[in-house]
Amino acid sequence: MAAKFKIKKGDQVVVIAGRDKGRSGEVLKVLRAENRLIVQGVNMVKRHTRQSPGQTGGIVNKEGSIHISNVAMADPKGGAATRVGYRFLDDGTKVRFARRSGEVIDR
């Protein structure tokens, strides 16, 4: 069974380890089975593609996956790396919040 992550598609994250440390971007895809994410503009790799009827061939830059342990959520207030917690609002809905600032992440 795949693990449950506190980071979801569409979240802003900061890379905290590896070649792209310090970069930030939006999560494009979550690969739960491999514990990895694809983040916009992070871990760019070159792929050699063959020409097909719909597209031209050549060398294409695209995002590679990055391990979930190498990223942290970006704080909605300052943009720095933060941990994620859960709390219940007054109306009973469960939301994620940034532990650094206390700001609610889910709208």
N, C-alpha and C. Protein backbone atom coordinates (compact mmCIF):
# COMPACT_ATOMS: atom_id res chain seq x y z
N MET A 1 0.84 -1.19 0.00
CA MET A 1 0.00 0.00 0.00
C MET A 1 0.88 1.25 0.00
N ALA A 2 0.51 2.22 -0.79
CA ALA A 2 1.29 3.45 -0.90
C ALA A 2 1.08 4.34 0.31
N ALA A 3 2.09 5.13 0.63
CA ALA A 3 2.04 6.01 1.79
C ALA A 3 1.15 7.22 1.53
N LYS A 4 0.65 7.83 2.61
CA LYS A 4 -0.15 9.05 2.52
C LYS A 4 0.77 10.23 2.77
N PHE A 5 0.71 11.24 1.90
CA PHE A 5 1.59 12.39 2.02
C PHE A 5 0.81 13.61 2.48
N LYS A 6 1.52 14.52 3.13
CA LYS A 6 0.93 15.79 3.52
C LYS A 6 1.06 16.82 2.40
N ILE A 7 1.78 16.47 1.35
CA ILE A 7 1.95 17.34 0.18
C ILE A 7 1.08 16.81 -0.94
N LYS A 8 0.35 17.71 -1.59
CA LYS A 8 -0.59 17.33 -2.64
C LYS A 8 -0.28 18.08 -3.93
N LYS A 9 -0.90 17.63 -5.00
CA LYS A 9 -0.76 18.29 -6.30
C LYS A 9 -1.25 19.73 -6.19
N GLY A 10 -0.47 20.66 -6.76
CA GLY A 10 -0.85 22.07 -6.72
C GLY A 10 -0.21 22.85 -5.58
N ASP A 11 0.42 22.17 -4.62
CA ASP A 11 1.07 22.85 -3.49
C ASP A 11 2.38 23.50 -3.92
N GLN A 12 2.76 24.57 -3.25
CA GLN A 12 4.06 25.19 -3.44
C GLN A 12 5.04 24.54 -2.48
N VAL A 13 6.17 24.06 -3.01
CA VAL A 13 7.17 23.39 -2.17
C VAL A 13 8.54 24.02 -2.40
N VAL A 14 9.44 23.79 -1.42
CA VAL A 14 10.82 24.26 -1.47
C VAL A 14 11.72 23.03 -1.41
N VAL A 15 12.73 22.95 -2.27
CA VAL A 15 13.68 21.84 -2.24
C VAL A 15 14.68 22.12 -1.13
N ILE A 16 14.84 21.16 -0.21
CA ILE A 16 15.70 21.36 0.96
C ILE A 16 16.99 20.55 0.89
N ALA A 17 17.13 19.67 -0.13
CA ALA A 17 18.34 18.87 -0.26
C ALA A 17 18.54 18.50 -1.72
N GLY A 18 19.80 18.33 -2.09
CA GLY A 18 20.12 17.88 -3.44
C GLY A 18 20.62 18.99 -4.33
N ARG A 19 20.72 18.68 -5.60
CA ARG A 19 21.29 19.59 -6.61
C ARG A 19 20.50 20.89 -6.72
N ASP A 20 19.19 20.84 -6.56
CA ASP A 20 18.33 22.01 -6.73
C ASP A 20 17.93 22.64 -5.40
N LYS A 21 18.74 22.48 -4.37
CA LYS A 21 18.42 23.01 -3.05
C LYS A 21 18.17 24.52 -3.11
N GLY A 22 17.07 24.95 -2.49
CA GLY A 22 16.71 26.37 -2.48
C GLY A 22 15.68 26.75 -3.52
N ARG A 23 15.53 25.94 -4.55
CA ARG A 23 14.53 26.24 -5.57
C ARG A 23 13.14 25.90 -5.06
N SER A 24 12.15 26.56 -5.63
CA SER A 24 10.77 26.28 -5.25
C SER A 24 9.93 26.14 -6.51
N GLY A 25 8.80 25.52 -6.37
CA GLY A 25 7.90 25.33 -7.50
C GLY A 25 6.62 24.66 -7.08
N GLU A 26 5.74 24.48 -8.04
CA GLU A 26 4.45 23.87 -7.79
C GLU A 26 4.52 22.37 -8.08
N VAL A 27 3.86 21.58 -7.25
CA VAL A 27 3.82 20.13 -7.45
C VAL A 27 2.90 19.83 -8.62
N LEU A 28 3.45 19.19 -9.67
CA LEU A 28 2.67 18.84 -10.85
C LEU A 28 2.04 17.46 -10.73
N LYS A 29 2.76 16.54 -10.07
CA LYS A 29 2.29 15.16 -9.98
C LYS A 29 2.86 14.52 -8.73
N VAL A 30 2.08 13.67 -8.09
CA VAL A 30 2.52 12.92 -6.91
C VAL A 30 2.56 11.45 -7.29
N LEU A 31 3.75 10.83 -7.15
CA LEU A 31 3.92 9.41 -7.46
C LEU A 31 3.99 8.66 -6.13
N ARG A 32 2.84 8.28 -5.60
CA ARG A 32 2.75 7.71 -4.26
C ARG A 32 3.45 6.37 -4.15
N ALA A 33 3.41 5.57 -5.17
CA ALA A 33 4.02 4.23 -5.11
C ALA A 33 5.54 4.31 -4.97
N GLU A 34 6.14 5.35 -5.55
CA GLU A 34 7.60 5.49 -5.50
C GLU A 34 8.07 6.52 -4.47
N ASN A 35 7.15 7.15 -3.72
CA ASN A 35 7.48 8.21 -2.75
C ASN A 35 8.19 9.38 -3.41
N ARG A 36 7.71 9.78 -4.57
CA ARG A 36 8.38 10.85 -5.32
C ARG A 36 7.35 11.87 -5.82
N LEU A 37 7.86 13.06 -6.17
CA LEU A 37 7.05 14.15 -6.70
C LEU A 37 7.67 14.66 -7.99
N ILE A 38 6.86 15.28 -8.83
CA ILE A 38 7.36 16.02 -9.97
C ILE A 38 7.02 17.48 -9.70
N VAL A 39 8.06 18.32 -9.60
CA VAL A 39 7.91 19.72 -9.23
C VAL A 39 8.30 20.58 -10.44
N GLN A 40 7.49 21.60 -10.70
CA GLN A 40 7.70 22.46 -11.87
C GLN A 40 9.04 23.19 -11.77
N GLY A 41 9.89 23.03 -12.79
CA GLY A 41 11.16 23.72 -12.88
C GLY A 41 12.28 23.16 -12.02
N VAL A 42 12.07 22.01 -11.41
CA VAL A 42 13.06 21.40 -10.51
C VAL A 42 13.50 20.07 -11.09
N ASN A 43 14.80 19.74 -10.97
CA ASN A 43 15.38 18.48 -11.45
C ASN A 43 15.12 18.31 -12.95
N MET A 44 15.52 19.31 -13.72
CA MET A 44 15.32 19.26 -15.16
C MET A 44 16.28 18.25 -15.78
N VAL A 45 15.73 17.39 -16.64
CA VAL A 45 16.52 16.37 -17.32
C VAL A 45 16.27 16.48 -18.83
N LYS A 46 17.22 16.00 -19.62
CA LYS A 46 17.09 16.03 -21.07
C LYS A 46 16.63 14.65 -21.55
N ARG A 47 15.63 14.64 -22.40
CA ARG A 47 15.12 13.40 -22.97
C ARG A 47 15.24 13.48 -24.49
N HIS A 48 15.80 12.45 -25.09
CA HIS A 48 15.91 12.38 -26.54
C HIS A 48 14.65 11.70 -27.06
N THR A 49 13.85 12.42 -27.83
CA THR A 49 12.58 11.88 -28.30
C THR A 49 12.62 11.67 -29.80
N ARG A 50 11.99 10.61 -30.22
CA ARG A 50 11.89 10.30 -31.65
C ARG A 50 10.72 11.08 -32.24
N GLN A 51 10.86 11.46 -33.48
CA GLN A 51 9.80 12.19 -34.15
C GLN A 51 8.59 11.29 -34.34
N SER A 52 7.41 11.84 -34.10
CA SER A 52 6.16 11.12 -34.32
C SER A 52 5.25 12.03 -35.15
N PRO A 53 4.16 11.49 -35.66
CA PRO A 53 3.29 12.32 -36.51
C PRO A 53 2.79 13.59 -35.83
N GLY A 54 2.65 13.56 -34.51
CA GLY A 54 2.11 14.73 -33.81
C GLY A 54 3.16 15.70 -33.29
N GLN A 55 4.42 15.28 -33.19
CA GLN A 55 5.43 16.17 -32.61
C GLN A 55 6.78 15.97 -33.26
N THR A 56 7.61 17.00 -33.15
CA THR A 56 8.95 16.91 -33.73
C THR A 56 9.89 16.21 -32.77
N GLY A 57 10.93 15.62 -33.33
CA GLY A 57 11.91 14.93 -32.50
C GLY A 57 12.99 15.88 -32.04
N GLY A 58 13.86 15.37 -31.19
CA GLY A 58 14.97 16.19 -30.71
C GLY A 58 15.17 16.02 -29.22
N ILE A 59 15.95 16.92 -28.64
CA ILE A 59 16.24 16.86 -27.22
C ILE A 59 15.27 17.78 -26.49
N VAL A 60 14.54 17.21 -25.54
CA VAL A 60 13.50 17.94 -24.82
C VAL A 60 13.87 18.04 -23.35
N ASN A 61 13.74 19.23 -22.76
CA ASN A 61 13.92 19.41 -21.32
C ASN A 61 12.60 19.16 -20.62
N LYS A 62 12.61 18.34 -19.58
CA LYS A 62 11.41 18.10 -18.80
C LYS A 62 11.78 17.86 -17.35
N GLU A 63 10.80 17.90 -16.48
CA GLU A 63 11.03 17.71 -15.06
C GLU A 63 11.18 16.23 -14.73
N GLY A 64 12.21 15.92 -13.94
CA GLY A 64 12.37 14.58 -13.42
C GLY A 64 11.74 14.51 -12.04
N SER A 65 11.59 13.31 -11.51
CA SER A 65 10.98 13.18 -10.19
C SER A 65 12.03 13.46 -9.11
N ILE A 66 11.55 13.85 -7.94
CA ILE A 66 12.41 14.13 -6.79
C ILE A 66 11.78 13.45 -5.58
N HIS A 67 12.62 12.91 -4.71
CA HIS A 67 12.11 12.18 -3.55
C HIS A 67 11.40 13.12 -2.60
N ILE A 68 10.33 12.65 -2.00
CA ILE A 68 9.51 13.49 -1.13
C ILE A 68 10.27 13.99 0.09
N SER A 69 11.30 13.25 0.52
CA SER A 69 12.06 13.67 1.69
C SER A 69 12.95 14.86 1.39
N ASN A 70 13.15 15.19 0.12
CA ASN A 70 14.00 16.31 -0.26
C ASN A 70 13.24 17.61 -0.48
N VAL A 71 11.94 17.62 -0.20
CA VAL A 71 11.14 18.84 -0.33
C VAL A 71 10.37 19.11 0.96
N ALA A 72 10.01 20.37 1.14
CA ALA A 72 9.16 20.78 2.26
C ALA A 72 8.15 21.78 1.73
N MET A 73 7.02 21.86 2.40
CA MET A 73 5.99 22.82 2.01
C MET A 73 6.54 24.24 2.15
N ALA A 74 6.13 25.12 1.26
CA ALA A 74 6.49 26.54 1.36
C ALA A 74 5.45 27.24 2.21
N ASP A 75 5.92 28.02 3.18
CA ASP A 75 5.03 28.76 4.07
C ASP A 75 4.24 29.78 3.26
N PRO A 76 2.91 29.82 3.38
CA PRO A 76 2.12 30.79 2.62
C PRO A 76 2.47 32.24 2.93
N LYS A 77 2.96 32.51 4.14
CA LYS A 77 3.31 33.89 4.52
C LYS A 77 4.66 34.31 3.95
N GLY A 78 5.72 33.55 4.23
CA GLY A 78 7.05 33.98 3.85
C GLY A 78 7.70 33.21 2.73
N GLY A 79 7.20 32.04 2.42
CA GLY A 79 7.79 31.22 1.37
C GLY A 79 8.90 30.31 1.85
N ALA A 80 9.24 30.36 3.14
CA ALA A 80 10.29 29.49 3.69
C ALA A 80 9.75 28.09 3.90
N ALA A 81 10.66 27.13 4.07
CA ALA A 81 10.25 25.74 4.29
C ALA A 81 9.56 25.61 5.64
N THR A 82 8.51 24.82 5.69
CA THR A 82 7.76 24.61 6.93
C THR A 82 7.22 23.19 6.97
N ARG A 83 6.94 22.74 8.18
CA ARG A 83 6.28 21.46 8.34
C ARG A 83 4.77 21.68 8.28
N VAL A 84 4.03 20.59 8.10
CA VAL A 84 2.59 20.68 7.93
C VAL A 84 1.90 19.99 9.09
N GLY A 85 0.86 20.63 9.62
CA GLY A 85 0.05 20.03 10.67
C GLY A 85 -1.40 20.03 10.24
N TYR A 86 -2.23 19.38 11.03
CA TYR A 86 -3.67 19.33 10.75
C TYR A 86 -4.41 19.93 11.93
N ARG A 87 -5.50 20.62 11.63
CA ARG A 87 -6.38 21.12 12.69
C ARG A 87 -7.80 21.17 12.15
N PHE A 88 -8.75 21.26 13.08
CA PHE A 88 -10.15 21.35 12.71
C PHE A 88 -10.62 22.80 12.89
N LEU A 89 -11.32 23.32 11.91
CA LEU A 89 -11.89 24.66 12.00
C LEU A 89 -13.17 24.62 12.82
N ASP A 90 -13.73 25.79 13.08
CA ASP A 90 -14.94 25.88 13.88
C ASP A 90 -16.12 25.15 13.24
N ASP A 91 -16.16 25.12 11.91
CA ASP A 91 -17.27 24.44 11.24
C ASP A 91 -17.05 22.94 11.11
N GLY A 92 -15.92 22.43 11.64
CA GLY A 92 -15.68 20.99 11.67
C GLY A 92 -14.85 20.44 10.53
N THR A 93 -14.42 21.30 9.60
CA THR A 93 -13.62 20.82 8.49
C THR A 93 -12.16 20.67 8.91
N LYS A 94 -11.53 19.62 8.44
CA LYS A 94 -10.12 19.36 8.73
C LYS A 94 -9.27 20.02 7.66
N VAL A 95 -8.31 20.85 8.09
CA VAL A 95 -7.46 21.57 7.15
C VAL A 95 -6.00 21.40 7.52
N ARG A 96 -5.12 21.62 6.53
CA ARG A 96 -3.68 21.62 6.78
C ARG A 96 -3.26 23.03 7.13
N PHE A 97 -2.25 23.15 8.00
CA PHE A 97 -1.73 24.47 8.33
C PHE A 97 -0.21 24.42 8.41
N ALA A 98 0.43 25.57 8.20
CA ALA A 98 1.89 25.67 8.26
C ALA A 98 2.30 25.83 9.71
N ARG A 99 3.18 24.96 10.19
CA ARG A 99 3.60 25.04 11.57
C ARG A 99 4.48 26.25 11.85
N ARG A 100 5.14 26.78 10.84
CA ARG A 100 6.02 27.94 11.04
C ARG A 100 5.21 29.19 11.38
N SER A 101 4.15 29.45 10.62
CA SER A 101 3.39 30.69 10.80
C SER A 101 1.99 30.45 11.37
N GLY A 102 1.50 29.23 11.32
CA GLY A 102 0.14 28.95 11.77
C GLY A 102 -0.90 29.24 10.71
N GLU A 103 -0.47 29.64 9.53
CA GLU A 103 -1.37 29.99 8.43
C GLU A 103 -2.03 28.73 7.86
N VAL A 104 -3.31 28.81 7.53
CA VAL A 104 -4.04 27.69 6.93
C VAL A 104 -3.62 27.55 5.48
N ILE A 105 -3.28 26.31 5.06
CA ILE A 105 -2.85 26.05 3.69
C ILE A 105 -4.05 25.75 2.80
N ASP A 106 -4.97 24.90 3.26
CA ASP A 106 -6.16 24.56 2.48
C ASP A 106 -7.16 25.70 2.54
N ARG A 107 -7.79 25.97 1.40
CA ARG A 107 -8.78 27.04 1.39
C ARG A 107 -10.16 26.47 1.44
